[in-house]
Protein backbone atom coordinates (compact mmCIF):
# COMPACT_ATOMS: atom_id res chain seq x y z
CA UNK A 1 -20.77 -7.16 -7.83
CA UNK A 2 -18.32 -8.78 -5.46
CA UNK A 3 -16.66 -5.78 -3.80
CA UNK A 4 -13.63 -7.79 -2.62
CA UNK A 5 -12.93 -9.25 -6.07
CA UNK A 6 -13.38 -5.84 -7.66
CA UNK A 7 -11.02 -4.26 -5.13
CA UNK A 8 -8.40 -6.94 -5.82
CA UNK A 9 -8.76 -6.36 -9.56
CA UNK A 10 -8.30 -2.61 -9.06
CA UNK A 11 -5.24 -3.24 -6.89
CA UNK A 12 -3.77 -5.38 -9.65
CA UNK A 13 -4.29 -2.84 -12.43
CA UNK A 14 -3.68 0.37 -10.48
CA UNK A 15 -0.61 -0.88 -8.59
CA UNK A 16 1.08 -3.64 -10.58
CA UNK A 17 -0.23 -4.54 -14.03
CA UNK A 18 -2.13 -1.70 -15.72
CA UNK A 19 -1.88 -3.55 -19.04
CA UNK A 20 -4.31 -6.15 -17.67
CA UNK A 21 -7.08 -3.55 -18.10
CA UNK A 22 -5.51 -1.98 -21.20
CA UNK A 23 -4.69 1.25 -19.35
CA UNK A 24 -1.62 3.35 -18.67
CA UNK A 25 -0.72 5.19 -15.50
CA UNK A 26 0.79 8.65 -15.58
CA UNK A 27 3.94 9.47 -13.59
CA UNK A 28 1.86 9.97 -10.42
CA UNK A 29 -0.14 6.75 -10.84
CA UNK A 30 -3.34 8.34 -12.18
CA UNK A 31 -5.45 6.96 -15.02
CA UNK A 32 -8.67 8.20 -16.60
CA UNK A 33 -11.77 6.69 -15.00
CA UNK A 34 -13.45 6.18 -18.38
CA UNK A 35 -10.37 4.37 -19.71
CA UNK A 36 -10.33 2.16 -16.60
CA UNK A 37 -14.01 1.26 -16.92
CA UNK A 38 -13.62 0.52 -20.65
CA UNK A 39 -10.44 -1.45 -20.09
CA UNK A 40 -11.96 -3.44 -17.25
CA UNK A 41 -14.87 -4.42 -19.51
CA UNK A 42 -12.44 -5.48 -22.25
CA UNK A 43 -10.66 -7.60 -19.63
CA UNK A 44 -13.97 -9.28 -18.69
CA UNK A 45 -14.63 -7.22 -15.53
CA UNK A 46 -17.69 -5.04 -16.00
CA UNK A 47 -17.65 -2.20 -13.48
CA UNK A 48 -19.87 0.87 -13.66
CA UNK A 49 -19.21 4.23 -12.06
CA UNK A 50 -21.50 3.55 -9.09
CA UNK A 51 -19.68 0.30 -8.37
CA UNK A 52 -16.30 2.00 -8.72
CA UNK A 53 -17.38 4.67 -6.23
CA UNK A 54 -18.55 1.96 -3.85
CA UNK A 55 -15.17 0.21 -3.97
CA UNK A 56 -13.29 3.47 -3.41
CA UNK A 57 -15.59 4.52 -0.55
CA UNK A 58 -15.95 1.12 1.13
CA UNK A 59 -12.39 -0.19 0.93
CA UNK A 60 -11.36 -0.70 4.55
CA UNK A 61 -7.80 0.39 3.84
CA UNK A 62 -8.80 3.31 1.61
CA UNK A 63 -6.41 2.05 -1.08
CA UNK A 64 -7.81 4.16 -3.91
CA UNK A 65 -8.61 7.80 -4.52
CA UNK A 66 -10.26 9.97 -7.15
CA UNK A 67 -9.02 13.38 -8.21
CA UNK A 68 -11.23 16.38 -7.33
CA UNK A 69 -13.58 16.08 -10.33
CA UNK A 70 -13.60 12.23 -10.25
CA UNK A 71 -12.24 11.92 -13.78
CA UNK A 72 -9.06 10.16 -12.63
CA UNK A 73 -8.31 7.40 -10.14
CA UNK A 74 -5.17 5.93 -8.59
CA UNK A 75 -3.94 3.62 -5.87
CA UNK A 76 -2.57 5.56 -2.91
CA UNK A 77 0.44 3.28 -2.33
CA UNK A 78 1.75 -0.23 -2.87
CA UNK A 79 2.90 0.11 -6.46
CA UNK A 80 5.40 -2.22 -8.06
CA UNK A 81 5.39 -0.05 -11.20
CA UNK A 82 7.37 3.18 -11.17
CA UNK A 83 5.28 6.13 -9.96
CA UNK A 84 5.97 9.30 -8.01
CA UNK A 85 3.07 9.73 -5.62
CA UNK A 86 4.06 13.23 -4.56
CA UNK A 87 3.80 12.78 -0.81
CA UNK A 88 5.76 15.32 1.21
CA UNK A 89 8.31 14.06 3.74
CA UNK A 90 6.89 13.95 7.25
CA UNK A 91 8.28 13.25 10.71
CA UNK A 92 6.89 9.92 11.92
CA UNK A 93 5.66 9.12 15.42
CA UNK A 94 8.04 7.39 17.81
CA UNK A 95 6.76 3.92 16.91
CA UNK A 96 5.16 2.39 13.84
CA UNK A 97 4.23 -1.24 13.21
CA UNK A 98 4.62 -3.82 10.48
CA UNK A 99 2.48 -6.92 10.13
CA UNK A 100 4.15 -10.00 8.70
CA UNK A 101 4.21 -13.77 9.21
CA UNK A 102 6.69 -15.85 11.25
CA UNK A 103 8.25 -17.38 8.12
CA UNK A 104 9.54 -13.94 7.09
CA UNK A 105 11.35 -13.26 10.36
CA UNK A 106 14.75 -14.82 9.49
CA UNK A 107 15.11 -12.60 6.40
CA UNK A 108 13.92 -9.54 8.32
CA UNK A 109 16.37 -10.23 11.17
CA UNK A 110 19.18 -10.47 8.63
CA UNK A 111 18.34 -7.59 6.32
CA UNK A 112 15.58 -5.55 7.90
CA UNK A 113 12.38 -4.56 6.16
CA UNK A 114 12.94 -4.11 2.44
CA UNK A 115 10.53 -2.69 -0.12
CA UNK A 116 11.00 -5.81 -2.26
CA UNK A 117 8.97 -5.29 -5.48
CA UNK A 118 7.01 -2.36 -4.04
CA UNK A 119 7.63 1.35 -4.17
CA UNK A 120 8.32 1.54 -0.41
CA UNK A 121 8.12 -0.32 2.91
CA UNK A 122 4.62 0.07 4.37
CA UNK A 123 4.21 0.75 8.08
CA UNK A 124 1.04 1.01 10.14
CA UNK A 125 0.27 3.62 12.80
CA UNK A 126 -1.34 1.12 15.18
CA UNK A 127 -1.32 -2.52 16.21
CA UNK A 128 -4.83 -3.24 14.89
CA UNK A 129 -3.97 -2.17 11.35
CA UNK A 130 -0.65 -4.04 11.39
CA UNK A 131 -2.47 -7.16 12.61
CA UNK A 132 -4.98 -6.94 9.71
CA UNK A 133 -2.09 -6.60 7.28
CA UNK A 134 -0.21 -9.57 8.76
CA UNK A 135 -3.33 -11.77 8.74
CA UNK A 136 -3.54 -11.65 4.94
CA UNK A 137 -0.84 -14.30 4.73
CA UNK A 138 -1.53 -16.37 7.85
CA UNK A 139 -0.79 -16.04 11.55
CA UNK A 140 0.29 -12.43 12.06
CA UNK A 141 3.54 -11.43 13.68
CA UNK A 142 3.72 -7.73 14.57
CA UNK A 143 7.04 -5.90 14.46
CA UNK A 144 7.63 -2.60 16.23
CA UNK A 145 9.63 -0.05 14.26
CA UNK A 146 11.48 2.71 16.10
CA UNK A 147 10.49 5.19 13.41
CA UNK A 148 11.52 8.44 15.13
CA UNK A 149 14.99 7.03 15.82
CA UNK A 150 15.34 5.90 12.21
CA UNK A 151 14.11 9.29 10.98
CA UNK A 152 16.75 10.96 13.18
CA UNK A 153 19.43 9.17 11.09
CA UNK A 154 18.15 10.90 7.97
CA UNK A 155 15.70 8.29 6.69
CA UNK A 156 12.77 9.89 4.90
CA UNK A 157 9.20 9.00 5.86
CA UNK A 158 6.00 9.83 4.01
CA UNK A 159 2.41 9.57 5.26
CA UNK A 160 -0.31 8.78 2.74
CA UNK A 161 -3.84 10.14 2.84
CA UNK A 162 -5.04 6.84 4.32
CA UNK A 163 -2.46 6.98 7.14
CA UNK A 164 0.01 4.43 5.81
CA UNK A 165 3.63 5.38 6.49
CA UNK A 166 6.18 4.77 3.74
CA UNK A 167 9.97 4.59 3.90
CA UNK A 168 12.72 3.14 1.73
CA UNK A 169 13.88 0.46 4.19
CA UNK A 170 14.11 -0.33 7.91
CA UNK A 171 17.44 -1.75 9.09
CA UNK A 172 17.16 -4.60 11.63
CA UNK A 173 18.55 -2.49 14.48
CA UNK A 174 15.38 -0.34 14.36
CA UNK A 175 13.01 -3.31 14.58
CA UNK A 176 11.54 -4.77 17.76
CA UNK A 177 10.59 -8.43 17.41
CA UNK A 178 7.88 -10.06 19.53
CA UNK A 179 9.15 -12.10 22.50
CA UNK A 180 9.89 -15.67 21.44
CA UNK A 181 9.67 -14.85 17.73
């Protein structure tokens, strides 16, 4: 099993296109593990329970989680389908970070960070994580978000179990751009 390809497939079906694996997500993003494994096989992706556990355990970003008795699975964040993840509002640290690429900077300068097709804007707690995120699409450009100041205006923040911070949007005035970017 190719763990990266399997992880990407799970991201697709648990975050964006559950119909690809012939599954449905409940209102909180959960689906039955057995239905996922059956649906994956029908879609040409044979995954057994041991392999599924390996992907959940080994994913460097801890994107997926099981419920307590491991009968259900979901993605922790990043959905483009409507789900209510149930995270409680939380006060963010003073600064959070967002990894992107230089080509996105003009739009971000004009309109800030927008959730686009996702459920929320994703922010990282440290530079290393933001750099890994930004590298997925090329040369990373790391933005600094004045999260505590934005929160003080009434913006809600949520922290996921895998330490990703979520918010609806980040206006440009709360974003620090790298020198020369």
